[in-house]
């Protein structure tokens, strides 16, 4: 599957994500919406409802939704509409859209929208060609029809109309005194495999929350089919009554929101971020742009509107939770490998700083020549080139991880001095035991520092036992190649040109023993800062989330 990462840091943010917010359409369902039925207010099939729905969808000029496309495919019309006169656009406050059209000398205002929004503007309902008063009893019967469809997971739009006089401009105030023609219901099947993808995300510490524009009955049915906890559903009207702190507490607890507007989605994103969640938001509509911007990870799809793609950090080839899960794991793998580089680099450089400063204080010559330092650094960097492709322990992939400057600092302060300690031991052996010349000292420190700095990567790359964690093939090759080159270089003409000379066998015996004890000591100290308790707790959180 094609994935476009627009910002490199987004890969790591993806892996750190703790909450994913998304609409249900296209995420839990196929996004293959089709008209299921066109019915009158009492639930019987109605050609009038189909014709009026088609009239509205064919003449409206706003952003066409999948529901409009489904109506145009699924609703035939015998209506002969001569011309469109005006349009009252959709907005999320009214949750409806109206068109005004002239047909055979009659001017009609036809309204389509959320059932509760449209029926609230109706005073009559049409059954068998007769308009009847929409009194309390009739409203109750109509509501039962609407709810029966919603409980089956069918999305429902209400269709209403009235005759209206000709005037220059029409406003939402004209959407009053309507006659309810009926309802159009839509089916959108649940995606196969989505339940397993949700379980996998939960198992790996990512909580999926659905922010749906549909009513709570539809959301409850669909979310229940895929295993999401829909026992408590919060509606948009309830969201409006909560301040940000209260909304954050509710959003942490609840998995399904219904009848939420783009502005309310944006509030939910901010409320979760305020509670230290790393929030991912999946959206593809023009109204999703604010939430995509506000989220820690904005995710869109290739067929989304331009505004949504521009606002996103990551663009998927298609809307698929399985691909999202794979992306989360890849993000955690990237994060783990970046941490290896940081821990190795900061601790080694911190130790080298002390070693160089101390050697400069008591030596009557440079501890290492400038060309030797440059070569040492070049070879050291080559040992790290393959870190991005290194294997990552499974324990580091089971839960979100965040940057901890404190842990990096403490690791540097704990491991860096060990590097200096072994440098000082090497200085002592070279000067006191081997009575090394200036060139021999340069060579001895060059070989020792390169070997210890490169080989320690096998210890630092895992929080657990390095003997039970398999490094990547190319990491093994590059590290061992760098150590071999550094050890052999003094015996070559190139080494002689750089001021490196052969060392006696006793030095290499010392080097082998010193390097082994250095790695064992770093392993012991490492566990204090990277200890397995961190990954065990992470694994426990991932297991609890899956349960």
Protein backbone atom coordinates (compact mmCIF):
# COMPACT_ATOMS: atom_id res chain seq x y z
CA UNK A 1 0.00 0.00 0.00
CA UNK A 2 1.25 3.48 -0.93
CA UNK A 3 1.91 5.82 1.98
CA UNK A 4 3.16 9.38 1.54
CA UNK A 5 4.91 10.82 4.58
CA UNK A 6 5.01 14.59 4.18
CA UNK A 7 7.08 15.27 7.31
CA UNK A 8 9.81 12.87 8.43
CA UNK A 9 9.04 13.45 12.11
CA UNK A 10 5.49 12.23 11.45
CA UNK A 11 6.78 8.64 11.23
CA UNK A 12 7.91 8.79 14.86
CA UNK A 13 4.73 10.63 15.91
CA UNK A 14 2.76 7.86 14.22
CA UNK A 15 4.48 5.31 16.43
CA UNK A 16 3.85 7.39 19.56
CA UNK A 17 0.12 7.72 18.84
CA UNK A 18 -2.12 6.67 21.74
CA UNK A 19 -5.52 7.70 20.34
CA UNK A 20 -6.87 7.51 16.78
CA UNK A 21 -9.96 9.57 15.97
CA UNK A 22 -11.93 8.82 12.83
CA UNK A 23 -15.36 8.89 11.24
CA UNK A 24 -16.94 5.46 10.86
CA UNK A 25 -17.68 5.80 7.13
CA UNK A 26 -14.80 4.36 5.13
CA UNK A 27 -12.98 3.33 8.30
CA UNK A 28 -15.41 0.79 9.74
CA UNK A 29 -17.55 0.53 6.60
CA UNK A 30 -16.79 0.08 2.89
CA UNK A 31 -17.79 3.64 1.95
CA UNK A 32 -19.92 2.07 -0.78
CA UNK A 33 -23.17 3.79 0.15
CA UNK A 34 -26.29 2.71 -1.72
CA UNK A 35 -29.95 3.62 -1.31
CA UNK A 36 -31.63 0.90 0.74
CA UNK A 37 -35.20 2.23 0.64
CA UNK A 38 -37.28 5.34 -0.05
CA UNK A 39 -40.29 5.38 2.25
CA UNK A 40 -43.13 7.62 3.34
CA UNK A 41 -43.34 8.86 6.95
CA UNK A 42 -45.03 5.62 8.06
CA UNK A 43 -42.49 3.29 6.44
CA UNK A 44 -44.15 2.29 3.16
CA UNK A 45 -42.34 2.53 -0.18
CA UNK A 46 -42.74 5.96 -1.74
CA UNK A 47 -41.96 7.12 -5.28
CA UNK A 48 -42.74 10.70 -4.22
CA UNK A 49 -39.94 10.60 -1.66
CA UNK A 50 -37.53 9.20 -4.25
CA UNK A 51 -38.42 11.90 -6.77
CA UNK A 52 -38.04 14.78 -4.33
CA UNK A 53 -34.74 13.37 -3.03
CA UNK A 54 -33.39 13.16 -6.57
CA UNK A 55 -34.59 16.70 -7.34
CA UNK A 56 -32.70 18.06 -4.33
CA UNK A 57 -29.49 16.12 -4.98
CA UNK A 58 -29.41 16.86 -8.71
CA UNK A 59 -29.83 20.61 -8.27
CA UNK A 60 -27.70 21.29 -5.19
CA UNK A 61 -24.30 22.80 -6.01
CA UNK A 62 -22.43 22.42 -2.72
CA UNK A 63 -19.84 19.75 -2.02
CA UNK A 64 -21.50 16.55 -3.21
CA UNK A 65 -21.53 13.83 -0.57
CA UNK A 66 -21.61 10.05 -1.10
CA UNK A 67 -25.28 10.21 -0.08
CA UNK A 68 -26.04 12.53 -3.01
CA UNK A 69 -24.25 10.18 -5.39
CA UNK A 70 -26.22 7.24 -3.99
CA UNK A 71 -29.52 9.12 -4.45
CA UNK A 72 -28.69 9.97 -8.06
CA UNK A 73 -27.87 6.32 -8.73
CA UNK A 74 -30.73 4.79 -6.78
CA UNK A 75 -33.69 7.15 -7.04
CA UNK A 76 -35.52 7.42 -10.34
CA UNK A 77 -37.60 10.52 -10.97
CA UNK A 78 -40.56 11.31 -13.16
CA UNK A 79 -40.40 14.96 -12.10
CA UNK A 80 -39.93 17.43 -14.97
CA UNK A 81 -38.02 20.24 -13.32
CA UNK A 82 -37.75 23.22 -15.59
CA UNK A 83 -35.20 25.29 -13.71
CA UNK A 84 -33.52 25.91 -10.41
CA UNK A 85 -34.23 29.24 -8.73
CA UNK A 86 -32.11 29.23 -5.58
CA UNK A 87 -30.36 27.14 -2.96
CA UNK A 88 -30.05 27.35 0.81
CA UNK A 89 -26.69 25.65 1.47
CA UNK A 90 -25.97 23.00 4.06
CA UNK A 91 -24.36 23.95 7.36
CA UNK A 92 -23.63 21.98 10.50
CA UNK A 93 -25.91 24.09 12.65
CA UNK A 94 -29.05 23.37 10.59
CA UNK A 95 -27.86 20.00 9.24
CA UNK A 96 -30.02 20.35 6.16
CA UNK A 97 -29.95 21.72 2.60
CA UNK A 98 -32.77 23.14 0.48
CA UNK A 99 -33.23 23.93 -3.18
CA UNK A 100 -35.96 26.06 -4.76
CA UNK A 101 -37.14 24.96 -8.19
CA UNK A 102 -39.89 25.89 -10.63
CA UNK A 103 -41.84 23.01 -12.14
CA UNK A 104 -44.75 23.60 -14.47
CA UNK A 105 -45.51 26.98 -13.00
CA UNK A 106 -45.30 25.73 -9.41
CA UNK A 107 -42.45 26.81 -7.15
CA UNK A 108 -41.25 24.19 -4.65
CA UNK A 109 -38.79 24.37 -1.77
CA UNK A 110 -37.36 20.86 -1.25
CA UNK A 111 -35.36 20.15 1.91
CA UNK A 112 -33.09 17.21 2.68
CA UNK A 113 -31.18 16.60 5.91
CA UNK A 114 -30.86 14.96 9.30
CA UNK A 115 -34.27 13.59 10.38
CA UNK A 116 -34.47 15.52 13.64
CA UNK A 117 -33.51 18.73 11.86
CA UNK A 118 -36.01 18.38 9.00
CA UNK A 119 -38.96 17.01 10.97
CA UNK A 120 -38.58 19.87 13.40
CA UNK A 121 -39.48 22.24 10.54
CA UNK A 122 -42.50 20.19 9.41
CA UNK A 123 -46.13 20.81 10.31
CA UNK A 124 -47.66 18.13 8.07
CA UNK A 125 -46.76 14.72 6.67
CA UNK A 126 -47.79 13.15 3.37
CA UNK A 127 -49.31 9.64 3.24
CA UNK A 128 -51.21 8.23 0.23
CA UNK A 129 -51.29 11.63 -1.40
CA UNK A 130 -52.97 13.26 1.61
CA UNK A 131 -51.25 15.86 3.81
CA UNK A 132 -52.03 15.30 7.47
CA UNK A 133 -51.24 17.29 10.60
CA UNK A 134 -47.95 16.30 12.18
CA UNK A 135 -49.19 16.29 15.76
CA UNK A 136 -47.48 14.73 18.77
CA UNK A 137 -48.89 11.26 18.08
CA UNK A 138 -47.85 11.41 14.43
CA UNK A 139 -44.38 12.64 15.37
CA UNK A 140 -44.02 9.66 17.68
CA UNK A 141 -45.00 7.24 14.89
CA UNK A 142 -42.62 8.94 12.45
CA UNK A 143 -39.79 8.80 14.98
CA UNK A 144 -40.32 5.08 15.48
CA UNK A 145 -40.01 4.52 11.73
CA UNK A 146 -36.80 6.53 11.63
CA UNK A 147 -35.35 4.75 14.69
CA UNK A 148 -36.19 1.31 13.28
CA UNK A 149 -34.02 2.06 10.25
CA UNK A 150 -31.21 3.49 12.36
CA UNK A 151 -31.13 0.41 14.60
CA UNK A 152 -30.33 -1.66 11.50
CA UNK A 153 -27.28 0.52 10.91
CA UNK A 154 -28.96 2.39 8.05
CA UNK A 155 -28.19 6.06 7.63
CA UNK A 156 -31.37 8.07 7.20
CA UNK A 157 -32.15 11.39 5.51
CA UNK A 158 -35.52 13.09 5.79
CA UNK A 159 -37.14 14.70 2.72
CA UNK A 160 -39.66 17.54 3.06
CA UNK A 161 -41.13 20.20 0.80
CA UNK A 162 -43.64 23.00 0.44
CA UNK A 163 -44.94 25.40 -2.15
CA UNK A 164 -43.40 28.84 -1.89
CA UNK A 165 -43.84 32.21 -3.49
CA UNK A 166 -41.35 33.63 -5.94
CA UNK A 167 -38.91 36.13 -4.45
CA UNK A 168 -35.35 37.36 -5.15
CA UNK A 169 -33.64 35.41 -2.37
CA UNK A 170 -34.41 32.55 -0.03
CA UNK A 171 -33.00 32.07 3.49
CA UNK A 172 -33.13 29.39 6.22
CA UNK A 173 -36.16 31.20 7.60
CA UNK A 174 -38.08 29.86 4.59
CA UNK A 175 -37.47 26.30 5.78
CA UNK A 176 -40.61 26.35 7.90
CA UNK A 177 -44.11 24.98 7.58
CA UNK A 178 -42.82 22.00 5.59
CA UNK A 179 -44.60 18.81 4.60
CA UNK A 180 -42.67 15.64 5.48
CA UNK A 181 -42.51 13.47 2.34
CA UNK A 182 -40.59 10.60 3.95
CA UNK A 183 -37.13 9.14 4.39
CA UNK A 184 -34.29 7.78 2.29
CA UNK A 185 -32.26 5.06 4.03
CA UNK A 186 -28.74 4.06 3.00
CA UNK A 187 -26.72 0.89 3.53
CA UNK A 188 -22.93 0.83 3.82
CA UNK A 189 -21.59 -2.65 4.72
CA UNK A 190 -18.98 -3.12 7.41
CA UNK A 191 -15.48 -3.75 6.09
CA UNK A 192 -14.22 -7.34 6.40
CA UNK A 193 -11.29 -7.64 8.79
CA UNK A 194 -11.90 -4.30 10.49
CA UNK A 195 -12.69 -5.95 13.83
CA UNK A 196 -9.30 -7.70 13.83
CA UNK A 197 -7.56 -4.43 12.91
CA UNK A 198 -9.27 -2.70 15.84
CA UNK A 199 -8.18 -5.48 18.19
CA UNK A 200 -4.61 -5.25 16.88
CA UNK A 201 -4.51 -1.49 17.45
CA UNK A 202 -5.93 -1.89 20.97
CA UNK A 203 -3.46 -4.69 21.70
CA UNK A 204 -0.64 -2.34 20.73
CA UNK A 205 -1.86 0.53 22.87
CA UNK A 206 -3.82 2.64 20.35
CA UNK A 207 -7.38 3.49 21.37
CA UNK A 208 -9.70 4.02 18.38
CA UNK A 209 -12.53 6.50 18.90
CA UNK A 210 -15.27 7.09 16.34
CA UNK A 211 -16.53 10.63 15.72
CA UNK A 212 -19.63 10.12 13.60
CA UNK A 213 -22.03 12.57 12.05
CA UNK A 214 -24.77 9.93 12.16
CA UNK A 215 -27.15 9.56 15.06
CA UNK A 216 -26.41 7.40 18.07
CA UNK A 217 -28.56 4.46 16.93
CA UNK A 218 -26.65 4.07 13.66
CA UNK A 219 -23.31 4.54 15.43
CA UNK A 220 -24.27 1.99 18.10
CA UNK A 221 -25.22 -0.64 15.51
CA UNK A 222 -22.13 -0.27 13.33
CA UNK A 223 -19.64 0.06 16.20
CA UNK A 224 -21.20 -2.91 17.96
CA UNK A 225 -20.70 -5.01 14.81
CA UNK A 226 -16.95 -4.43 14.86
CA UNK A 227 -16.42 -4.84 18.60
CA UNK A 228 -16.07 -1.21 19.68
CA UNK A 229 -17.49 -0.38 23.09
CA UNK A 230 -20.70 1.49 22.24
CA UNK A 231 -22.42 1.11 25.60
CA UNK A 232 -21.96 4.83 26.19
CA UNK A 233 -22.33 7.23 23.27
CA UNK A 234 -21.89 10.98 23.60
CA UNK A 235 -23.75 13.23 21.17
CA UNK A 236 -22.75 16.59 19.77
CA UNK A 237 -25.35 18.37 21.87
CA UNK A 238 -23.81 16.84 25.00
CA UNK A 239 -20.34 17.91 23.86
CA UNK A 240 -21.54 21.52 23.65
CA UNK A 241 -22.51 21.43 27.33
CA UNK A 242 -19.02 20.39 28.49
CA UNK A 243 -16.03 22.63 29.14
CA UNK A 244 -12.64 21.47 27.83
CA UNK A 245 -11.55 19.77 31.05
CA UNK A 246 -14.79 17.83 31.35
CA UNK A 247 -14.72 16.99 27.65
CA UNK A 248 -11.20 15.61 28.02
CA UNK A 249 -12.30 13.31 30.83
CA UNK A 250 -15.29 12.11 28.81
CA UNK A 251 -13.22 11.65 25.64
CA UNK A 252 -10.72 9.47 27.50
CA UNK A 253 -13.53 7.20 28.68
CA UNK A 254 -15.90 7.07 25.70
CA UNK A 255 -15.17 5.37 22.37
CA UNK A 256 -18.09 6.60 20.25
CA UNK A 257 -19.40 10.11 19.56
CA UNK A 258 -22.49 10.69 17.41
CA UNK A 259 -23.96 13.71 15.63
CA UNK A 260 -20.72 15.66 16.08
CA UNK A 261 -19.85 18.63 13.89
CA UNK A 262 -16.35 19.49 12.60
CA UNK A 263 -16.03 22.15 15.31
CA UNK A 264 -16.87 19.58 17.98
CA UNK A 265 -14.35 17.13 16.51
CA UNK A 266 -11.73 19.87 16.77
CA UNK A 267 -12.62 20.41 20.43
CA UNK A 268 -12.28 16.68 21.12
CA UNK A 269 -8.81 16.62 19.52
CA UNK A 270 -7.67 19.55 21.69
CA UNK A 271 -9.24 18.10 24.84
CA UNK A 272 -7.39 14.79 24.43
CA UNK A 273 -4.10 16.55 23.69
CA UNK A 274 -4.54 18.59 26.87
CA UNK A 275 -4.63 15.28 28.76
CA UNK A 276 -1.26 14.28 27.26
CA UNK A 277 -2.64 11.86 24.69
CA UNK A 278 -0.79 11.64 21.37
CA UNK A 279 -3.70 12.12 19.00
CA UNK A 280 -4.02 10.90 15.44
CA UNK A 281 -6.91 12.17 13.34
CA UNK A 282 -8.08 10.48 10.14
CA UNK A 283 -10.13 12.73 7.88
CA UNK A 284 -10.80 13.37 4.21
CA UNK A 285 -13.31 16.23 4.09
CA UNK A 286 -12.84 19.96 3.73
CA UNK A 287 -14.25 20.47 7.24
CA UNK A 288 -11.68 18.05 8.70
CA UNK A 289 -8.77 20.43 8.01
CA UNK A 290 -8.79 22.15 11.46
CA UNK A 291 -8.72 18.79 13.25
CA UNK A 292 -5.99 17.47 10.95
CA UNK A 293 -3.90 20.55 11.76
CA UNK A 294 -4.57 20.29 15.50
CA UNK A 295 -3.80 16.57 15.84
CA UNK A 296 -0.29 15.33 16.61
CA UNK A 297 -0.60 13.15 13.49
CA UNK A 298 -2.95 14.27 10.73
CA UNK A 299 -3.82 11.35 8.44
CA UNK A 300 -5.72 11.56 5.17
CA UNK A 301 -6.22 9.49 2.03
CA UNK A 302 -5.19 10.01 -1.56
CA UNK A 303 -8.76 10.58 -2.76
CA UNK A 304 -9.51 13.18 -0.07
CA UNK A 305 -10.23 16.79 -0.93
CA UNK A 306 -7.16 18.95 -1.56
CA UNK A 307 -7.54 20.89 1.68
CA UNK A 308 -7.52 17.69 3.76
CA UNK A 309 -4.48 16.26 1.95
CA UNK A 310 -2.61 19.54 2.41
CA UNK A 311 -3.39 19.60 6.13
CA UNK A 312 -2.34 15.98 6.72
CA UNK A 313 1.10 14.77 7.78
CA UNK A 314 0.55 11.31 6.28
CA UNK A 315 -1.48 10.39 3.18
CA UNK A 316 -2.62 6.78 2.72
CA UNK A 317 -3.29 5.09 -0.60
CA UNK A 318 -6.64 3.98 0.80
CA UNK A 319 -8.54 4.24 4.06
CA UNK A 320 -7.60 1.02 5.83
CA UNK A 321 -7.11 0.37 9.55
CA UNK A 322 -4.79 -2.53 8.73
CA UNK A 323 -2.47 -0.14 6.92
CA UNK A 324 -2.72 2.28 9.83
CA UNK A 325 -1.68 -0.45 12.24
CA UNK A 326 1.28 -1.34 10.04
CA UNK A 327 2.23 2.34 9.94
CA UNK A 328 2.07 2.59 13.73
CA UNK A 329 4.42 -0.39 14.08
CA UNK A 330 6.78 1.09 11.48
CA UNK A 331 6.76 4.37 13.38
CA UNK A 332 7.70 2.59 16.60
CA UNK A 333 10.48 0.76 14.77
CA UNK A 334 11.84 4.07 13.48
CA UNK A 335 11.59 5.60 16.96
CA UNK A 336 13.45 2.67 18.54
CA UNK A 337 16.27 2.91 16.00
CA UNK A 338 16.58 6.67 16.43
CA UNK A 339 16.91 6.09 20.18
CA UNK A 340 19.75 3.61 19.55
CA UNK A 341 21.61 6.27 17.59
CA UNK A 342 21.02 8.95 20.21
CA UNK A 343 22.05 6.78 23.15
CA UNK A 344 25.15 5.52 21.38
CA UNK A 345 26.18 8.95 20.11
CA UNK A 346 25.58 10.97 23.29
CA UNK A 347 27.26 8.49 25.63
CA UNK A 348 30.30 7.96 23.36
CA UNK A 349 30.82 11.65 22.65
CA UNK A 350 30.40 12.54 26.32
CA UNK A 351 33.03 9.98 27.27
CA UNK A 352 35.43 11.07 24.49
CA UNK A 353 35.17 14.67 25.66
CA UNK A 354 36.47 13.73 29.11
CA UNK A 355 39.14 11.41 27.70
CA UNK A 356 40.51 14.03 25.32
CA UNK A 357 40.48 16.77 27.96
CA UNK A 358 42.23 14.61 30.56
CA UNK A 359 44.85 13.32 28.11
CA UNK A 360 45.64 16.86 26.97
CA UNK A 361 46.38 17.84 30.59
CA UNK A 362 49.15 15.33 31.28
CA UNK A 363 50.54 14.33 27.87
CA UNK A 364 53.40 16.30 26.32
CA UNK A 365 51.96 15.54 22.85
CA UNK A 366 48.56 15.41 21.15
CA UNK A 367 46.54 12.35 22.30
CA UNK A 368 45.59 11.70 18.66
CA UNK A 369 46.52 13.46 15.43
CA UNK A 370 43.80 15.49 13.65
CA UNK A 371 43.79 13.14 10.63
CA UNK A 372 43.46 10.16 12.95
CA UNK A 373 40.51 11.78 14.75
CA UNK A 374 38.78 12.44 11.44
CA UNK A 375 39.31 8.85 10.28
CA UNK A 376 38.18 7.48 13.64
CA UNK A 377 34.98 9.53 13.46
CA UNK A 378 34.38 8.50 9.85
CA UNK A 379 34.69 4.79 10.67
CA UNK A 380 32.57 5.26 13.80
CA UNK A 381 29.84 6.89 11.70
CA UNK A 382 30.03 4.06 9.18
CA UNK A 383 29.26 1.61 11.98
CA UNK A 384 25.97 3.46 12.53
CA UNK A 385 24.86 3.74 8.91
CA UNK A 386 22.76 0.58 9.06
CA UNK A 387 20.99 1.39 12.35
CA UNK A 388 17.79 2.54 10.53
CA UNK A 389 17.39 -0.97 9.11
CA UNK A 390 18.19 -2.80 12.33
CA UNK A 391 15.81 -5.32 13.88
CA UNK A 392 13.74 -4.07 16.81
CA UNK A 393 12.72 -6.17 19.82
CA UNK A 394 9.03 -7.09 19.88
CA UNK A 395 8.79 -5.60 23.39
CA UNK A 396 9.58 -2.18 21.92
CA UNK A 397 6.66 -2.37 19.48
CA UNK A 398 3.77 -3.24 21.80
CA UNK A 399 3.00 0.23 23.16
CA UNK A 400 3.46 3.89 22.26
CA UNK A 401 6.74 5.49 23.29
CA UNK A 402 7.67 9.10 23.87
CA UNK A 403 10.86 11.08 23.95
CA UNK A 404 12.46 11.22 27.39
CA UNK A 405 15.23 13.78 27.50
CA UNK A 406 15.73 12.84 31.14
CA UNK A 407 16.40 9.20 30.24
CA UNK A 408 18.81 10.19 27.45
CA UNK A 409 20.65 12.56 29.78
CA UNK A 410 20.88 10.00 32.58
CA UNK A 411 22.06 7.32 30.16
CA UNK A 412 24.74 9.67 28.84
CA UNK A 413 25.88 10.55 32.36
CA UNK A 414 25.90 6.90 33.40
CA UNK A 415 27.52 5.23 30.39
CA UNK A 416 29.76 8.05 29.11
CA UNK A 417 32.15 7.96 32.10
CA UNK A 418 32.56 4.19 31.65
CA UNK A 419 33.94 4.90 28.18
CA UNK A 420 36.35 7.41 29.70
CA UNK A 421 37.34 4.92 32.40
CA UNK A 422 38.45 2.38 29.79
CA UNK A 423 40.23 5.10 27.82
CA UNK A 424 42.18 5.99 30.97
CA UNK A 425 42.95 2.30 31.53
CA UNK A 426 44.27 2.12 27.96
CA UNK A 427 46.42 5.21 28.56
CA UNK A 428 47.88 3.57 31.66
CA UNK A 429 48.66 0.28 29.91
CA UNK A 430 50.26 2.05 26.94
CA UNK A 431 52.43 4.37 29.03
CA UNK A 432 53.19 2.39 32.21
CA UNK A 433 53.33 -1.19 30.91
CA UNK A 434 54.25 -0.93 27.26
CA UNK A 435 56.25 2.33 27.52
CA UNK A 436 54.62 3.36 24.26
CA UNK A 437 56.13 5.94 21.97
CA UNK A 438 54.04 8.85 20.73
CA UNK A 439 53.04 6.94 17.57
CA UNK A 440 52.23 3.80 19.56
CA UNK A 441 50.06 5.83 21.94
CA UNK A 442 48.17 7.37 19.01
CA UNK A 443 47.66 3.94 17.48
CA UNK A 444 46.63 2.21 20.70
CA UNK A 445 43.97 4.78 21.56
CA UNK A 446 42.76 4.87 17.95
CA UNK A 447 42.17 1.11 17.90
CA UNK A 448 40.73 0.88 21.44
CA UNK A 449 38.31 3.81 21.11
CA UNK A 450 37.03 2.62 17.74
CA UNK A 451 36.55 -0.99 18.89
CA UNK A 452 34.72 -0.12 22.11
CA UNK A 453 32.53 2.58 20.52
CA UNK A 454 31.48 0.33 17.64
CA UNK A 455 30.95 -2.93 19.55
CA UNK A 456 28.94 -1.27 22.33
CA UNK A 457 26.17 -0.80 19.78
CA UNK A 458 25.30 -4.49 20.20
CA UNK A 459 24.64 -3.78 23.90
CA UNK A 460 22.87 -0.44 23.54
CA UNK A 461 20.57 -1.52 20.70
CA UNK A 462 18.32 -3.54 23.04
CA UNK A 463 16.85 -2.95 26.48
CA UNK A 464 17.13 -6.67 27.19
CA UNK A 465 19.83 -9.32 26.99
CA UNK A 466 21.88 -8.67 23.82
CA UNK A 467 22.45 -12.41 23.39
CA UNK A 468 18.68 -12.87 22.99
CA UNK A 469 18.15 -9.96 20.62
CA UNK A 470 19.11 -10.60 17.01
CA UNK A 471 20.73 -7.61 15.28
CA UNK A 472 20.07 -6.90 11.63
CA UNK A 473 22.38 -8.70 9.20
CA UNK A 474 23.83 -5.50 7.76
CA UNK A 475 24.38 -4.00 11.21
CA UNK A 476 26.51 -7.01 12.14
CA UNK A 477 28.44 -6.71 8.89
CA UNK A 478 29.15 -2.98 9.17
CA UNK A 479 30.14 -3.02 12.86
CA UNK A 480 32.48 -5.98 12.51
CA UNK A 481 33.91 -4.54 9.28
CA UNK A 482 34.66 -1.23 11.00
CA UNK A 483 36.38 -2.98 13.92
CA UNK A 484 38.39 -5.15 11.52
CA UNK A 485 39.46 -2.15 9.43
CA UNK A 486 40.48 -0.18 12.51
CA UNK A 487 42.49 -3.10 13.88
CA UNK A 488 44.22 -3.91 10.58
CA UNK A 489 44.92 -0.33 9.50
CA UNK A 490 48.18 0.09 11.52
CA UNK A 491 49.68 -2.82 9.55
CA UNK A 492 49.05 -1.19 6.15
CA UNK A 493 50.88 1.49 4.12
CA UNK A 494 47.84 3.75 4.47
CA UNK A 495 48.10 3.42 8.23
CA UNK A 496 51.74 4.42 8.09
CA UNK A 497 50.83 7.52 6.08
CA UNK A 498 48.37 8.43 8.83
CA UNK A 499 50.93 7.93 11.60
CA UNK A 500 49.61 4.55 12.76
CA UNK A 501 52.13 1.80 13.46
CA UNK A 502 51.90 -1.93 14.32
CA UNK A 503 51.37 -2.75 18.01
CA UNK A 504 52.71 -5.77 19.92
CA UNK A 505 50.46 -8.84 20.41
CA UNK A 506 50.22 -8.17 24.15
CA UNK A 507 48.27 -4.98 23.43
CA UNK A 508 45.66 -6.88 21.46
CA UNK A 509 45.34 -9.41 24.29
CA UNK A 510 44.70 -6.49 26.64
CA UNK A 511 42.27 -4.97 24.12
CA UNK A 512 40.21 -8.18 23.91
CA UNK A 513 39.90 -8.46 27.69
CA UNK A 514 39.24 -4.75 28.20
CA UNK A 515 36.58 -4.63 25.47
CA UNK A 516 34.76 -7.65 26.90
CA UNK A 517 34.70 -6.23 30.44
CA UNK A 518 33.66 -2.83 29.04
CA UNK A 519 30.67 -4.37 27.27
CA UNK A 520 29.68 -6.34 30.38
CA UNK A 521 29.88 -3.22 32.56
CA UNK A 522 27.83 -1.17 30.09
CA UNK A 523 25.26 -3.98 30.01
CA UNK A 524 24.95 -3.88 33.80
CA UNK A 525 24.68 -0.09 33.95
CA UNK A 526 22.36 0.05 30.93
CA UNK A 527 19.68 -1.91 32.75
CA UNK A 528 19.43 0.86 35.33
CA UNK A 529 18.32 3.33 32.65
CA UNK A 530 16.73 1.12 29.96
CA UNK A 531 15.75 -1.79 32.20
CA UNK A 532 13.27 -4.40 31.12
CA UNK A 533 10.69 -2.95 33.51
CA UNK A 534 9.93 -0.23 30.99
CA UNK A 535 9.08 -2.65 28.22
CA UNK A 536 7.25 -4.98 30.59
CA UNK A 537 4.94 -2.18 31.68
CA UNK A 538 4.46 -1.21 28.05
CA UNK A 539 3.56 -4.76 27.16
CA UNK A 540 1.12 -4.88 30.08
CA UNK A 541 -0.58 -1.72 28.86
CA UNK A 542 -0.89 -3.16 25.37
CA UNK A 543 -2.41 -6.37 26.72
CA UNK A 544 -4.82 -4.48 28.95
CA UNK A 545 -5.91 -2.31 26.05
CA UNK A 546 -6.62 -5.35 23.92
CA UNK A 547 -8.69 -6.88 26.72
